[in-house]
Amino acid sequence: MFPLGDTRVPTSGPELVESIVNGLRPWLIFPTGATPVRLVGGAWPQLEEMRVDLSGARSVERPPAPPDLQVRDRRPLFSARRLALVARPLIIEEAPVELSLTASDARFDFAVDSRQRAVLLPSAAREGRFNARIGRADLESLVRRGITLAAESQGVSVTSTELKLSQRGDREIEAQVKVKARKMFISAVVRAGGRMEVDDHLNAVLHDLRCQGEGIAGEVACAALRPHVQKWNGQRFPLSGLPIAGLRLHDLKLSANDPLTVEASFEA
């Protein structure tokens, strides 16, 4: 699923490009002069290729809620013999994430979701492949940023983090984070942990988040952080940095190595 710029149905290739780019702007900031969407060959609505290049784009700090899958007024819009999405890299919260998505014989429908937002839905695709990767240090930077924001709201300064990952299955990893923090002149050590699972829509879903402090100071710090940590339980984060859905995944593999990688085949 891609968000579109408005509820007008595109009637040409240039209108489609404009609508996709405008639809992505609430989520991404593109580099100056970038051309993130290109249509190559064919004649509307039967295109030879659609290329989406998000290299150098940055995620916004507070993206809107993604479009939902409860849609109406669905209608066929266009086809592309080849589909390619690449990001080398996409910057999410200052962390570089490399993405690649390819498919053949792709067809897309126009629809409107329950909030009256236009979306582009895949109705068919063959030979789909998805790959995403992020370095361990960059992932730790993302985790530290989230913890720091939660801690700052309680007047706590995070001085260091240490992230450990372990494999729990093809779709799931266990994460343990050791956090050293300071409030006024008091230092504390907090250990947080939980599970991350990749769902059928290429979202990272957080489960069983927990927090434990070392000593009295650690328990006090953990008590302040625990309500914020629990808010993340069950939260979904698009691995592509975008609200892409409507894909049927198979052969999905999540690796806890360095870099952390997600690979999958898909159809639509």
Protein backbone atom coordinates (compact mmCIF):
# COMPACT_ATOMS: atom_id res chain seq x y z
CA MET A 1 0.00 0.00 0.00
CA PHE A 2 1.22 3.50 -0.87
CA PRO A 3 -0.53 6.67 0.34
CA LEU A 4 -1.58 9.08 -2.40
CA GLY A 5 -1.66 12.87 -2.36
CA ASP A 6 -5.42 13.37 -2.74
CA THR A 7 -8.63 11.54 -3.57
CA ARG A 8 -8.59 12.38 -7.27
CA VAL A 9 -8.02 9.29 -9.39
CA PRO A 10 -4.83 9.69 -11.50
CA THR A 11 -5.59 9.58 -15.22
CA SER A 12 -2.01 9.63 -16.56
CA GLY A 13 1.56 8.72 -15.66
CA PRO A 14 2.54 12.26 -14.60
CA GLU A 15 -0.56 12.54 -12.39
CA LEU A 16 0.32 9.20 -10.77
CA VAL A 17 3.90 10.28 -10.06
CA GLU A 18 2.74 13.56 -8.53
CA SER A 19 0.14 11.81 -6.36
CA ILE A 20 2.60 9.18 -5.04
CA VAL A 21 5.27 11.79 -4.21
CA ASN A 22 2.74 14.06 -2.47
CA GLY A 23 1.36 11.07 -0.60
CA LEU A 24 4.82 10.19 0.75
CA ARG A 25 5.69 13.71 1.92
CA PRO A 26 3.93 13.37 5.32
CA TRP A 27 6.32 10.46 6.03
CA LEU A 28 9.53 11.44 4.25
CA ILE A 29 11.70 14.46 3.52
CA PHE A 30 13.32 14.04 0.10
CA PRO A 31 16.75 15.39 -0.85
CA THR A 32 16.72 18.62 -2.86
CA GLY A 33 16.31 17.86 -6.54
CA ALA A 34 15.42 14.20 -5.99
CA THR A 35 13.08 12.36 -8.38
CA PRO A 36 11.76 9.59 -6.14
CA VAL A 37 9.27 8.08 -8.63
CA ARG A 38 9.94 7.32 -12.30
CA LEU A 39 7.78 5.57 -14.90
CA VAL A 40 9.74 3.95 -17.72
CA GLY A 41 8.30 2.70 -21.02
CA GLY A 42 4.85 1.50 -21.97
CA ALA A 43 1.73 3.62 -22.28
CA TRP A 44 -0.74 4.52 -19.57
CA PRO A 45 -2.18 2.50 -17.90
CA GLN A 46 0.08 -0.38 -19.01
CA LEU A 47 3.58 0.61 -17.94
CA GLU A 48 6.84 -1.19 -18.52
CA GLU A 49 8.44 -0.24 -15.22
CA MET A 50 7.85 1.82 -12.08
CA ARG A 51 10.92 2.80 -10.07
CA VAL A 52 10.73 4.26 -6.56
CA ASP A 53 14.09 5.51 -5.25
CA LEU A 54 14.09 6.72 -1.64
CA SER A 55 17.87 6.99 -1.32
CA GLY A 56 18.79 9.87 0.93
CA ALA A 57 15.22 10.50 2.10
CA ARG A 58 14.66 11.05 5.82
CA SER A 59 11.71 10.00 7.94
CA VAL A 60 9.80 12.82 9.60
CA GLU A 61 9.88 13.07 13.38
CA ARG A 62 6.15 12.53 13.91
CA PRO A 63 4.59 10.70 10.96
CA PRO A 64 0.79 10.47 10.69
CA ALA A 65 -1.11 7.25 11.30
CA PRO A 66 -0.69 4.93 8.30
CA PRO A 67 -3.65 4.24 5.99
CA ASP A 68 -5.74 1.28 7.07
CA LEU A 69 -6.83 -1.75 5.07
CA GLN A 70 -10.56 -1.00 5.40
CA VAL A 71 -11.03 0.57 1.97
CA ARG A 72 -13.90 1.41 -0.36
CA ASP A 73 -14.33 2.54 -3.98
CA ARG A 74 -11.58 0.16 -5.03
CA ARG A 75 -10.92 0.11 -8.77
CA PRO A 76 -8.11 -1.09 -11.09
CA LEU A 77 -5.67 1.74 -11.93
CA PHE A 78 -2.52 0.59 -13.75
CA SER A 79 -0.02 -2.24 -14.29
CA ALA A 80 3.78 -2.39 -14.50
CA ARG A 81 5.76 -5.32 -15.89
CA ARG A 82 8.55 -4.49 -13.44
CA LEU A 83 8.41 -2.81 -10.03
CA ALA A 84 11.50 -1.68 -8.12
CA LEU A 85 11.79 0.18 -4.81
CA VAL A 86 15.24 0.96 -3.46
CA ALA A 87 16.73 3.03 -0.63
CA ARG A 88 20.51 3.21 -0.28
CA PRO A 89 19.94 4.32 2.37
CA LEU A 90 16.71 5.65 3.85
CA ILE A 91 17.44 7.64 7.03
CA ILE A 92 15.09 6.71 9.86
CA GLU A 93 15.66 8.70 13.06
CA GLU A 94 19.26 9.41 11.90
CA ALA A 95 19.93 5.68 11.31
CA PRO A 96 20.63 4.49 7.73
CA VAL A 97 18.45 1.59 6.59
CA GLU A 98 18.99 -0.11 3.24
CA LEU A 99 15.88 -1.37 1.42
CA SER A 100 15.17 -3.26 -1.75
CA LEU A 101 11.82 -4.44 -3.12
CA THR A 102 11.31 -5.91 -6.58
CA ALA A 103 8.45 -7.67 -8.36
CA SER A 104 7.20 -8.47 -11.83
CA ASP A 105 3.75 -8.21 -13.44
CA ALA A 106 2.50 -5.86 -10.76
CA ARG A 107 -1.01 -4.42 -10.84
CA PHE A 108 -2.35 -1.66 -8.61
CA ASP A 109 -5.80 -0.49 -7.55
CA PHE A 110 -6.96 2.93 -6.40
CA ALA A 111 -9.02 3.03 -3.19
CA VAL A 112 -10.04 5.28 -0.29
CA ASP A 113 -9.51 4.23 3.33
CA SER A 114 -11.83 4.77 6.32
CA ARG A 115 -10.34 8.24 6.95
CA GLN A 116 -11.04 9.39 3.40
CA ARG A 117 -7.39 9.10 2.35
CA ALA A 118 -6.54 7.80 -1.12
CA VAL A 119 -4.24 4.78 -1.32
CA LEU A 120 -2.56 2.65 -3.97
CA LEU A 121 -3.09 -1.06 -3.32
CA PRO A 122 -1.24 -3.95 -4.99
CA SER A 123 -3.75 -6.36 -6.53
CA ALA A 124 -1.23 -8.69 -8.19
CA ALA A 125 2.53 -9.28 -8.24
CA ARG A 126 4.87 -12.16 -9.06
CA GLU A 127 8.41 -13.04 -8.07
CA GLY A 128 8.43 -10.44 -5.29
CA ARG A 129 11.53 -10.04 -3.15
CA PHE A 130 12.08 -7.77 -0.13
CA ASN A 131 15.33 -7.07 1.70
CA ALA A 132 16.07 -4.66 4.54
CA ARG A 133 19.21 -4.25 6.62
CA ILE A 134 20.51 -2.05 9.40
CA GLY A 135 23.85 -2.13 11.20
CA ARG A 136 23.91 -3.19 14.85
CA ALA A 137 25.38 0.17 15.91
CA ASP A 138 22.69 2.07 13.98
CA LEU A 139 19.96 -0.07 15.55
CA GLU A 140 21.39 0.62 18.99
CA SER A 141 21.34 4.32 18.15
CA LEU A 142 17.62 4.05 17.34
CA VAL A 143 16.94 2.22 20.61
CA ARG A 144 18.96 4.75 22.58
CA ARG A 145 17.08 7.63 20.99
CA GLY A 146 13.72 6.14 22.01
CA ILE A 147 14.88 5.47 25.56
CA THR A 148 16.44 8.94 25.83
CA LEU A 149 13.22 10.66 24.79
CA ALA A 150 11.27 8.69 27.39
CA ALA A 151 13.87 9.37 30.09
CA GLU A 152 14.12 13.10 29.41
CA SER A 153 10.41 13.52 30.09
CA GLN A 154 11.17 12.30 33.64
CA GLY A 155 14.26 14.45 34.11
CA VAL A 156 16.61 11.48 33.60
CA SER A 157 19.73 11.66 31.40
CA VAL A 158 20.88 8.52 29.56
CA THR A 159 24.68 8.25 29.57
CA SER A 160 25.13 4.93 27.71
CA THR A 161 23.29 1.94 26.28
CA GLU A 162 24.39 -1.61 25.46
CA LEU A 163 22.23 -3.71 23.12
CA LYS A 164 22.26 -7.51 22.85
CA LEU A 165 20.19 -9.47 20.32
CA SER A 166 19.44 -13.20 20.15
CA GLN A 167 17.57 -15.21 17.55
CA ARG A 168 14.26 -16.82 18.59
CA GLY A 169 13.01 -18.05 15.21
CA ASP A 170 12.77 -17.06 11.56
CA ARG A 171 10.57 -14.06 12.41
CA GLU A 172 11.52 -13.13 15.94
CA ILE A 173 14.46 -11.84 17.96
CA GLU A 174 14.96 -11.14 21.66
CA ALA A 175 16.52 -7.81 22.67
CA GLN A 176 18.21 -6.89 25.93
CA VAL A 177 19.31 -3.31 26.64
CA LYS A 178 21.50 -2.19 29.52
CA VAL A 179 20.97 1.51 30.19
CA LYS A 180 23.14 3.71 32.39
CA ALA A 181 21.35 6.87 33.45
CA ARG A 182 21.73 9.83 35.78
CA LYS A 183 19.30 12.09 37.60
CA MET A 184 20.85 15.01 39.42
CA PHE A 185 23.88 13.44 41.20
CA ILE A 186 22.46 9.90 41.32
CA SER A 187 23.53 7.23 38.81
CA ALA A 188 21.43 4.18 38.01
CA VAL A 189 21.52 1.05 35.85
CA VAL A 190 18.34 -0.21 34.20
CA ARG A 191 17.90 -3.36 32.14
CA ALA A 192 15.10 -3.43 29.56
CA GLY A 193 14.10 -6.23 27.24
CA GLY A 194 11.46 -7.61 24.94
CA ARG A 195 10.71 -9.41 21.70
CA MET A 196 10.48 -8.07 18.16
CA GLU A 197 8.47 -10.02 15.59
CA VAL A 198 7.97 -9.29 11.88
CA ASP A 199 4.32 -9.64 10.86
CA ASP A 200 2.74 -10.42 7.50
CA HIS A 201 2.70 -6.74 6.50
CA LEU A 202 6.44 -6.13 7.00
CA ASN A 203 5.90 -4.41 10.35
CA ALA A 204 8.18 -4.87 13.34
CA VAL A 205 5.88 -5.62 16.30
CA LEU A 206 7.11 -5.23 19.90
CA HIS A 207 6.02 -7.72 22.59
CA ASP A 208 6.64 -8.47 26.28
CA LEU A 209 8.53 -5.26 27.01
CA ARG A 210 9.90 -5.14 30.53
CA CYS A 211 12.14 -3.05 32.75
CA GLN A 212 14.23 -3.95 35.81
CA GLY A 213 16.51 -1.69 37.84
CA GLU A 214 19.73 -2.52 39.69
CA GLY A 215 19.60 -1.32 43.29
CA ILE A 216 17.33 1.32 44.74
CA ALA A 217 18.33 4.04 42.26
CA GLY A 218 17.78 1.66 39.35
CA GLU A 219 14.33 0.67 40.59
CA VAL A 220 13.35 4.31 40.99
CA ALA A 221 14.52 5.09 37.45
CA CYS A 222 12.75 2.00 36.12
CA ALA A 223 9.51 2.98 37.85
CA ALA A 224 9.64 6.32 36.03
CA LEU A 225 10.38 4.71 32.66
CA ARG A 226 8.03 1.72 32.91
CA PRO A 227 4.81 3.53 31.82
CA HIS A 228 6.57 4.82 28.70
CA VAL A 229 8.02 1.38 27.92
CA GLN A 230 4.60 -0.24 28.26
CA LYS A 231 3.15 2.18 25.72
CA TRP A 232 5.38 0.53 23.12
CA ASN A 233 3.97 -2.94 23.82
CA GLY A 234 2.15 -4.13 20.71
CA GLN A 235 3.28 -1.13 18.65
CA ARG A 236 3.95 -1.69 14.95
CA PHE A 237 6.72 0.04 13.02
CA PRO A 238 6.89 -0.31 9.21
CA LEU A 239 10.27 -1.85 8.37
CA SER A 240 10.40 0.13 5.15
CA GLY A 241 9.70 3.39 6.95
CA LEU A 242 6.55 3.56 4.85
CA PRO A 243 2.93 2.39 5.27
CA ILE A 244 3.27 -0.44 2.71
CA ALA A 245 0.77 -3.28 3.07
CA GLY A 246 -1.34 -5.63 0.99
CA LEU A 247 1.48 -8.15 0.41
CA ARG A 248 1.36 -11.90 1.09
CA LEU A 249 4.72 -12.89 2.54
CA HIS A 250 6.44 -16.26 2.50
CA ASP A 251 9.96 -17.54 3.23
CA LEU A 252 10.50 -14.62 5.62
CA LYS A 253 13.78 -14.69 7.53
CA LEU A 254 14.89 -12.27 10.25
CA SER A 255 18.58 -12.43 11.19
CA ALA A 256 20.02 -10.99 14.40
CA ASN A 257 23.54 -10.79 12.95
CA ASP A 258 25.38 -7.58 12.13
CA PRO A 259 23.85 -6.12 10.08
CA LEU A 260 20.34 -7.08 11.18
CA THR A 261 18.55 -8.28 8.04
CA VAL A 262 15.01 -9.11 6.96
CA GLU A 263 14.46 -11.07 3.75
CA ALA A 264 11.17 -12.29 2.29
CA SER A 265 9.44 -13.37 -0.87
CA PHE A 266 5.97 -12.02 -1.53
CA GLU A 267 2.96 -12.02 -3.82
CA ALA A 268 -0.05 -9.76 -4.01
